[in-house]
Protein backbone atom coordinates (compact mmCIF):
# COMPACT_ATOMS: atom_id res chain seq x y z
CA UNK A 1 -0.83 17.27 -7.97
CA UNK A 2 2.03 18.13 -5.59
CA UNK A 3 5.68 18.39 -6.63
CA UNK A 4 8.47 16.00 -5.60
CA UNK A 5 9.19 18.22 -2.57
CA UNK A 6 5.68 17.46 -1.21
CA UNK A 7 6.17 13.65 -1.27
CA UNK A 8 6.69 12.07 2.15
CA UNK A 9 9.81 9.87 2.20
CA UNK A 10 11.11 7.96 -0.86
CA UNK A 11 14.12 10.30 -1.11
CA UNK A 12 16.29 7.72 -2.93
CA UNK A 13 13.67 7.05 -5.60
CA UNK A 14 13.06 10.76 -6.15
CA UNK A 15 16.81 11.41 -6.37
CA UNK A 16 17.15 8.63 -8.97
CA UNK A 17 14.35 10.19 -11.05
CA UNK A 18 15.83 13.69 -10.83
CA UNK A 19 19.34 12.45 -11.72
CA UNK A 20 17.96 10.56 -14.76
CA UNK A 21 16.32 13.78 -16.00
CA UNK A 22 19.31 16.01 -15.18
CA UNK A 23 21.83 13.69 -16.90
CA UNK A 24 19.47 12.89 -19.80
CA UNK A 25 19.62 9.16 -18.93
CA UNK A 26 15.91 8.37 -18.77
CA UNK A 27 15.27 4.64 -19.22
CA UNK A 28 12.62 3.24 -21.58
CA UNK A 29 11.11 1.07 -18.83
CA UNK A 30 10.72 1.45 -15.06
CA UNK A 31 9.19 -0.88 -12.51
CA UNK A 32 8.02 0.91 -9.36
CA UNK A 33 7.43 -1.73 -6.70
CA UNK A 34 5.63 -1.17 -3.38
CA UNK A 35 2.50 -2.14 -1.52
CA UNK A 36 -0.88 -0.52 -2.15
CA UNK A 37 -0.91 3.04 -0.81
CA UNK A 38 2.88 3.40 -0.85
CA UNK A 39 2.89 6.19 -3.47
CA UNK A 40 3.62 4.35 -6.75
CA UNK A 41 1.01 6.22 -8.80
CA UNK A 42 1.98 9.57 -7.30
CA UNK A 43 5.68 9.09 -8.10
CA UNK A 44 5.05 7.76 -11.63
CA UNK A 45 2.68 10.68 -12.29
CA UNK A 46 5.22 13.23 -11.02
CA UNK A 47 8.06 11.68 -13.03
CA UNK A 48 5.86 11.69 -16.16
CA UNK A 49 4.75 15.29 -15.52
CA UNK A 50 8.38 16.42 -15.05
CA UNK A 51 9.51 14.65 -18.24
CA UNK A 52 6.85 16.53 -20.23
CA UNK A 53 7.22 19.89 -18.44
CA UNK A 54 7.98 22.74 -20.85
CA UNK A 55 10.34 24.37 -18.30
CA UNK A 56 12.73 21.39 -18.63
CA UNK A 57 13.70 21.22 -14.93
CA UNK A 58 13.90 18.35 -12.44
CA UNK A 59 10.56 19.35 -10.82
CA UNK A 60 7.28 19.98 -12.64
CA UNK A 61 6.81 23.78 -12.91
CA UNK A 62 3.01 23.48 -12.41
CA UNK A 63 2.56 26.58 -14.62
CA UNK A 64 3.05 25.43 -18.22
CA UNK A 65 0.29 24.02 -20.41
CA UNK A 66 1.68 20.47 -20.16
CA UNK A 67 1.85 20.54 -16.33
CA UNK A 68 -1.72 21.84 -16.11
CA UNK A 69 -2.91 19.14 -18.50
CA UNK A 70 -1.05 16.47 -16.49
CA UNK A 71 -2.58 17.76 -13.26
CA UNK A 72 -6.10 17.32 -14.69
CA UNK A 73 -5.08 13.92 -16.22
CA UNK A 74 -5.55 15.32 -19.75
CA UNK A 75 -1.95 15.34 -21.01
CA UNK A 76 -2.26 13.55 -24.40
CA UNK A 77 1.24 12.04 -24.18
CA UNK A 78 0.79 10.54 -20.69
CA UNK A 79 -1.32 7.43 -21.25
CA UNK A 80 -2.73 5.35 -18.40
CA UNK A 81 -3.50 1.74 -19.39
CA UNK A 82 -6.97 0.65 -18.25
CA UNK A 83 -8.49 -2.84 -18.03
CA UNK A 84 -12.11 -3.99 -17.78
CA UNK A 85 -11.50 -7.37 -16.14
CA UNK A 86 -10.88 -6.76 -12.42
CA UNK A 87 -8.10 -9.35 -12.01
CA UNK A 88 -6.43 -9.41 -15.44
CA UNK A 89 -4.76 -7.02 -17.83
CA UNK A 90 -5.28 -8.90 -21.09
CA UNK A 91 -3.15 -9.13 -24.21
CA UNK A 92 -5.87 -7.11 -26.02
CA UNK A 93 -5.52 -4.28 -23.45
CA UNK A 94 -1.76 -4.09 -24.14
CA UNK A 95 -2.09 -4.43 -27.92
CA UNK A 96 -4.83 -1.81 -28.25
CA UNK A 97 -3.68 0.79 -25.72
CA UNK A 98 0.11 0.44 -25.88
CA UNK A 99 1.52 -1.59 -28.78
CA UNK A 100 -0.96 -0.14 -31.27
CA UNK A 101 -0.32 3.42 -30.09
CA UNK A 102 3.40 3.60 -29.29
CA UNK A 103 4.57 3.94 -32.92
CA UNK A 104 2.62 7.20 -33.26
CA UNK A 105 4.98 10.03 -32.30
CA UNK A 106 4.21 12.24 -29.27
CA UNK A 107 1.42 14.71 -29.88
CA UNK A 108 3.00 17.74 -28.19
CA UNK A 109 5.78 16.52 -25.84
CA UNK A 110 9.34 15.16 -25.88
CA UNK A 111 8.19 11.76 -24.57
CA UNK A 112 5.30 9.40 -24.82
CA UNK A 113 4.73 7.95 -21.34
CA UNK A 114 2.66 4.84 -20.55
CA UNK A 115 1.66 4.03 -16.97
CA UNK A 116 0.47 0.48 -16.26
CA UNK A 117 -0.98 0.36 -12.75
CA UNK A 118 -1.52 -3.07 -11.09
CA UNK A 119 1.01 -4.55 -13.53
CA UNK A 120 1.03 -7.74 -11.40
CA UNK A 121 -2.29 -8.47 -13.19
CA UNK A 122 -0.70 -8.67 -16.65
CA UNK A 123 -1.49 -12.07 -18.16
CA UNK A 124 1.48 -14.07 -19.48
CA UNK A 125 0.33 -13.32 -23.05
CA UNK A 126 0.09 -9.60 -22.19
CA UNK A 127 3.60 -9.69 -20.71
CA UNK A 128 4.98 -11.34 -23.84
CA UNK A 129 3.28 -8.72 -26.03
CA UNK A 130 4.74 -5.98 -23.81
CA UNK A 131 8.18 -7.61 -23.87
CA UNK A 132 8.48 -7.12 -27.64
CA UNK A 133 7.85 -3.40 -27.18
CA UNK A 134 10.24 -3.05 -24.21
CA UNK A 135 12.97 -4.83 -26.20
CA UNK A 136 12.77 -2.38 -29.14
CA UNK A 137 10.98 0.76 -27.98
CA UNK A 138 10.88 4.01 -29.97
CA UNK A 139 13.41 6.57 -28.65
CA UNK A 140 10.64 8.76 -27.16
CA UNK A 141 8.84 5.96 -25.23
CA UNK A 142 8.88 5.57 -21.42
CA UNK A 143 6.87 2.75 -19.81
CA UNK A 144 6.08 2.52 -16.09
CA UNK A 145 4.99 -0.79 -14.56
CA UNK A 146 3.54 -0.30 -11.07
CA UNK A 147 3.64 -3.52 -9.04
CA UNK A 148 2.93 -4.76 -5.53
CA UNK A 149 5.04 -7.85 -6.11
CA UNK A 150 7.59 -7.45 -8.90
CA UNK A 151 8.51 -11.15 -8.54
CA UNK A 152 5.23 -12.25 -10.17
CA UNK A 153 6.30 -10.82 -13.54
CA UNK A 154 8.43 -12.68 -16.08
CA UNK A 155 12.19 -12.43 -15.43
CA UNK A 156 12.62 -11.23 -19.03
CA UNK A 157 10.36 -8.23 -18.27
CA UNK A 158 12.06 -7.48 -14.93
CA UNK A 159 15.55 -7.60 -16.40
CA UNK A 160 14.65 -4.92 -18.96
CA UNK A 161 13.24 -2.48 -16.39
CA UNK A 162 14.96 -0.17 -13.93
CA UNK A 163 13.55 -1.40 -10.60
CA UNK A 164 12.62 1.32 -8.09
CA UNK A 165 11.70 -0.40 -4.82
CA UNK A 166 9.70 1.84 -2.47
CA UNK A 167 10.94 1.52 1.12
CA UNK A 168 8.69 2.13 4.17
CA UNK A 169 8.48 5.78 5.24
CA UNK A 170 9.71 6.48 8.79
CA UNK A 171 7.13 6.47 11.59
CA UNK A 172 8.15 9.98 12.74
CA UNK A 173 7.41 11.45 9.27
CA UNK A 174 4.02 9.70 9.06
CA UNK A 175 2.97 10.66 12.59
CA UNK A 176 3.97 14.31 12.07
CA UNK A 177 2.01 14.36 8.77
CA UNK A 178 -1.13 12.92 10.43
CA UNK A 179 -1.00 15.34 13.36
CA UNK A 180 0.10 18.52 11.56
CA UNK A 181 -1.48 18.21 8.11
CA UNK A 182 -4.57 16.13 8.89
CA UNK A 183 -5.00 17.35 12.52
CA UNK A 184 -5.42 13.80 13.89
CA UNK A 185 -5.19 13.50 17.72
CA UNK A 186 -1.91 11.97 18.94
CA UNK A 187 -3.32 8.68 20.31
CA UNK A 188 -5.11 7.89 17.03
CA UNK A 189 -2.09 9.08 15.02
CA UNK A 190 0.09 6.63 17.01
CA UNK A 191 -2.22 3.71 16.24
CA UNK A 192 -2.58 4.60 12.54
CA UNK A 193 1.19 5.06 12.19
CA UNK A 194 2.03 1.72 13.83
CA UNK A 195 -0.69 0.06 11.86
CA UNK A 196 0.42 1.46 8.48
CA UNK A 197 4.00 0.10 8.84
CA UNK A 198 5.61 2.80 6.72
CA UNK A 199 2.77 3.14 4.19
CA UNK A 200 1.62 6.80 4.03
CA UNK A 201 -1.48 6.06 1.95
CA UNK A 202 -2.65 3.41 4.41
CA UNK A 203 -2.04 5.70 7.40
CA UNK A 204 -4.03 8.51 5.78
CA UNK A 205 -6.90 6.21 4.77
CA UNK A 206 -7.18 4.82 8.29
CA UNK A 207 -6.85 8.17 10.03
CA UNK A 208 -9.70 9.67 7.97
CA UNK A 209 -11.96 6.60 8.03
CA UNK A 210 -15.11 6.67 10.20
CA UNK A 211 -15.26 2.90 9.89
CA UNK A 212 -11.76 2.58 11.35
CA UNK A 213 -12.91 4.20 14.62
CA UNK A 214 -15.79 1.72 14.89
CA UNK A 215 -13.54 -1.22 14.02
CA UNK A 216 -11.00 -0.12 16.63
CA UNK A 217 -13.74 0.05 19.29
CA UNK A 218 -14.90 -3.46 18.40
CA UNK A 219 -11.35 -4.86 18.50
CA UNK A 220 -10.89 -3.40 21.99
CA UNK A 221 -14.24 -4.85 23.11
CA UNK A 222 -13.23 -8.34 21.87
CA UNK A 223 -9.75 -8.39 23.43
CA UNK A 224 -11.00 -7.12 26.80
CA UNK A 225 -13.90 -9.50 27.24
CA UNK A 226 -13.16 -12.60 25.13
CA UNK A 227 -11.94 -14.75 28.05
CA UNK A 228 -15.33 -14.30 29.80
CA UNK A 229 -17.50 -14.75 26.68
CA UNK A 230 -20.00 -17.59 26.34
CA UNK A 231 -20.66 -19.32 23.00
CA UNK A 232 -23.64 -17.03 22.30
CA UNK A 233 -21.46 -13.95 22.80
CA UNK A 234 -18.83 -15.34 20.43
CA UNK A 235 -21.48 -15.90 17.75
CA UNK A 236 -22.68 -12.29 18.14
CA UNK A 237 -19.13 -11.00 17.80
CA UNK A 238 -18.53 -13.21 14.80
CA UNK A 239 -21.56 -11.55 13.11
CA UNK A 240 -20.12 -8.13 13.91
CA UNK A 241 -16.66 -9.09 12.56
CA UNK A 242 -18.25 -10.24 9.28
CA UNK A 243 -19.34 -6.60 8.77
CA UNK A 244 -15.62 -5.83 8.40
CA UNK A 245 -15.09 -8.60 5.85
CA UNK A 246 -13.79 -6.17 3.20
CA UNK A 247 -11.28 -4.74 5.69
CA UNK A 248 -10.50 -7.94 7.55
CA UNK A 249 -6.71 -7.56 7.20
CA UNK A 250 -6.98 -4.19 8.94
CA UNK A 251 -9.05 -5.80 11.70
CA UNK A 252 -6.49 -8.61 12.17
CA UNK A 253 -3.61 -6.12 12.15
CA UNK A 254 -5.25 -4.17 14.99
CA UNK A 255 -5.60 -7.36 17.02
CA UNK A 256 -1.94 -8.20 16.34
CA UNK A 257 -0.75 -4.76 17.49
CA UNK A 258 -2.76 -5.08 20.73
CA UNK A 259 -1.42 -8.56 21.55
CA UNK A 260 2.14 -7.44 20.74
CA UNK A 261 1.67 -4.59 23.22
CA UNK A 262 0.59 -7.15 25.84
CA UNK A 263 3.64 -9.31 25.10
CA UNK A 264 5.95 -6.28 25.20
CA UNK A 265 4.52 -5.07 28.50
CA UNK A 266 4.75 -8.57 30.01
CA UNK A 267 8.42 -8.76 29.06
CA UNK A 268 9.53 -5.21 29.92
CA UNK A 269 6.86 -3.55 32.13
CA UNK A 270 7.52 -0.54 29.91
CA UNK A 271 4.38 1.34 28.87
CA UNK A 272 6.26 4.03 26.89
CA UNK A 273 6.86 1.90 23.80
CA UNK A 274 3.27 0.59 23.62
CA UNK A 275 1.01 1.63 20.74
CA UNK A 276 -2.22 1.24 22.73
CA UNK A 277 -0.89 3.47 25.50
CA UNK A 278 -4.43 4.53 26.53
CA UNK A 279 -5.26 0.88 27.24
CA UNK A 280 -2.62 0.31 29.93
CA UNK A 281 -5.07 -1.07 32.52
CA UNK A 282 -6.51 -3.77 30.24
CA UNK A 283 -3.06 -4.57 28.80
CA UNK A 284 -1.58 -4.97 32.30
CA UNK A 285 -4.50 -7.25 33.24
CA UNK A 286 -4.09 -9.41 30.11
CA UNK A 287 -0.30 -9.60 30.61
CA UNK A 288 -0.72 -10.89 34.16
CA UNK A 289 -3.33 -13.50 33.12
CA UNK A 290 -1.46 -14.82 30.05
CA UNK A 291 1.66 -16.90 29.52
CA UNK A 292 4.34 -16.06 26.97
CA UNK A 293 3.45 -19.28 25.17
CA UNK A 294 -0.26 -18.38 25.07
CA UNK A 295 0.39 -14.89 23.67
CA UNK A 296 2.76 -16.38 21.08
CA UNK A 297 0.02 -18.83 20.01
CA UNK A 298 -2.49 -15.99 19.57
CA UNK A 299 -0.09 -13.93 17.43
CA UNK A 300 0.68 -17.04 15.36
CA UNK A 301 -3.07 -17.77 15.00
CA UNK A 302 -3.63 -14.20 13.73
CA UNK A 303 -1.00 -14.71 11.01
CA UNK A 304 -2.53 -18.11 10.11
CA UNK A 305 -5.98 -16.54 9.84
CA UNK A 306 -4.62 -14.02 7.33
CA UNK A 307 -3.04 -16.78 5.25
CA UNK A 308 -6.23 -18.88 5.31
CA UNK A 309 -8.39 -15.95 4.18
CA UNK A 310 -5.93 -15.20 1.39
CA UNK A 311 -6.30 -18.83 0.30
CA UNK A 312 -10.13 -18.38 0.31
CA UNK A 313 -10.77 -20.66 3.29
CA UNK A 314 -14.30 -20.16 4.70
CA UNK A 315 -14.47 -16.76 6.45
CA UNK A 316 -16.72 -17.73 9.41
CA UNK A 317 -14.79 -20.93 10.10
CA UNK A 318 -11.43 -19.10 10.02
CA UNK A 319 -12.62 -16.37 12.38
CA UNK A 320 -14.30 -18.88 14.72
CA UNK A 321 -11.02 -20.81 15.08
CA UNK A 322 -9.19 -17.56 15.76
CA UNK A 323 -11.66 -16.41 18.44
CA UNK A 324 -11.46 -19.80 20.16
CA UNK A 325 -7.61 -19.60 20.23
CA UNK A 326 -7.86 -16.10 21.68
CA UNK A 327 -10.37 -17.29 24.32
CA UNK A 328 -8.32 -20.33 25.35
CA UNK A 329 -5.09 -18.33 25.75
């Protein structure tokens, strides 16, 4: 596990954590809020490791027994709440793993730390059970709730937690990390950085994914040739898109970035600020063929497709409507 100094971005959050340790003002409950891949687990793990570190500094020393145990996820006083049901953390999970355990004093450390990942999945009963503990915690207890949308939790839970909202990391930091640390070529690093929108985990996942390269190639094939496609071609492409069903938001984001590049080029004739800079010829062609209104309709249709899929509308029907909008405009 790296130290705080190895984390990309999130300077304010890290400073808050260090100040809390330095001034001995560690709260009993924290809510770390940010999208998947933003670094919630990493930051909670580092904070927990630092709290338990035998050196007593504002960074984990990485040398003491506690730090080594934390690094191998074997520190007995850092407890990660697990749940068997994929979409729910039940009241039994909280009672058995947290409420039933928290009264037992720390085994070997100053604190007893509980990390609840995907806390958005806490059932209302589980939240109420947790609330009783957060209201009257033992002096040594620290609870981390990691959320993608803090607003889904009960206001009574939120009001008793220190909220640490993770902000997007700057594009320059992410691009430099992809190129220097992961040795990703600049063009791909540009696309992954734009695509990740400040999320380091997402940028890294995409940059290292073989599937992402294939998906990118298919997106470029669709946008270049869709206006000439016959119905049979559209059906073939629809079959291919369904192979990316598990990553469909990534696929739709790539389409959105491409069409935004077309819109930007149409408005400014400036190729320097484009993400798909290697695709200037096809972007120039699309910009000359399309109206502002048509491009706006496509970008709107892409956002609608995302919303429909989130609401479990039929996948093939949603994508068919989207492809037809793209073809017509």
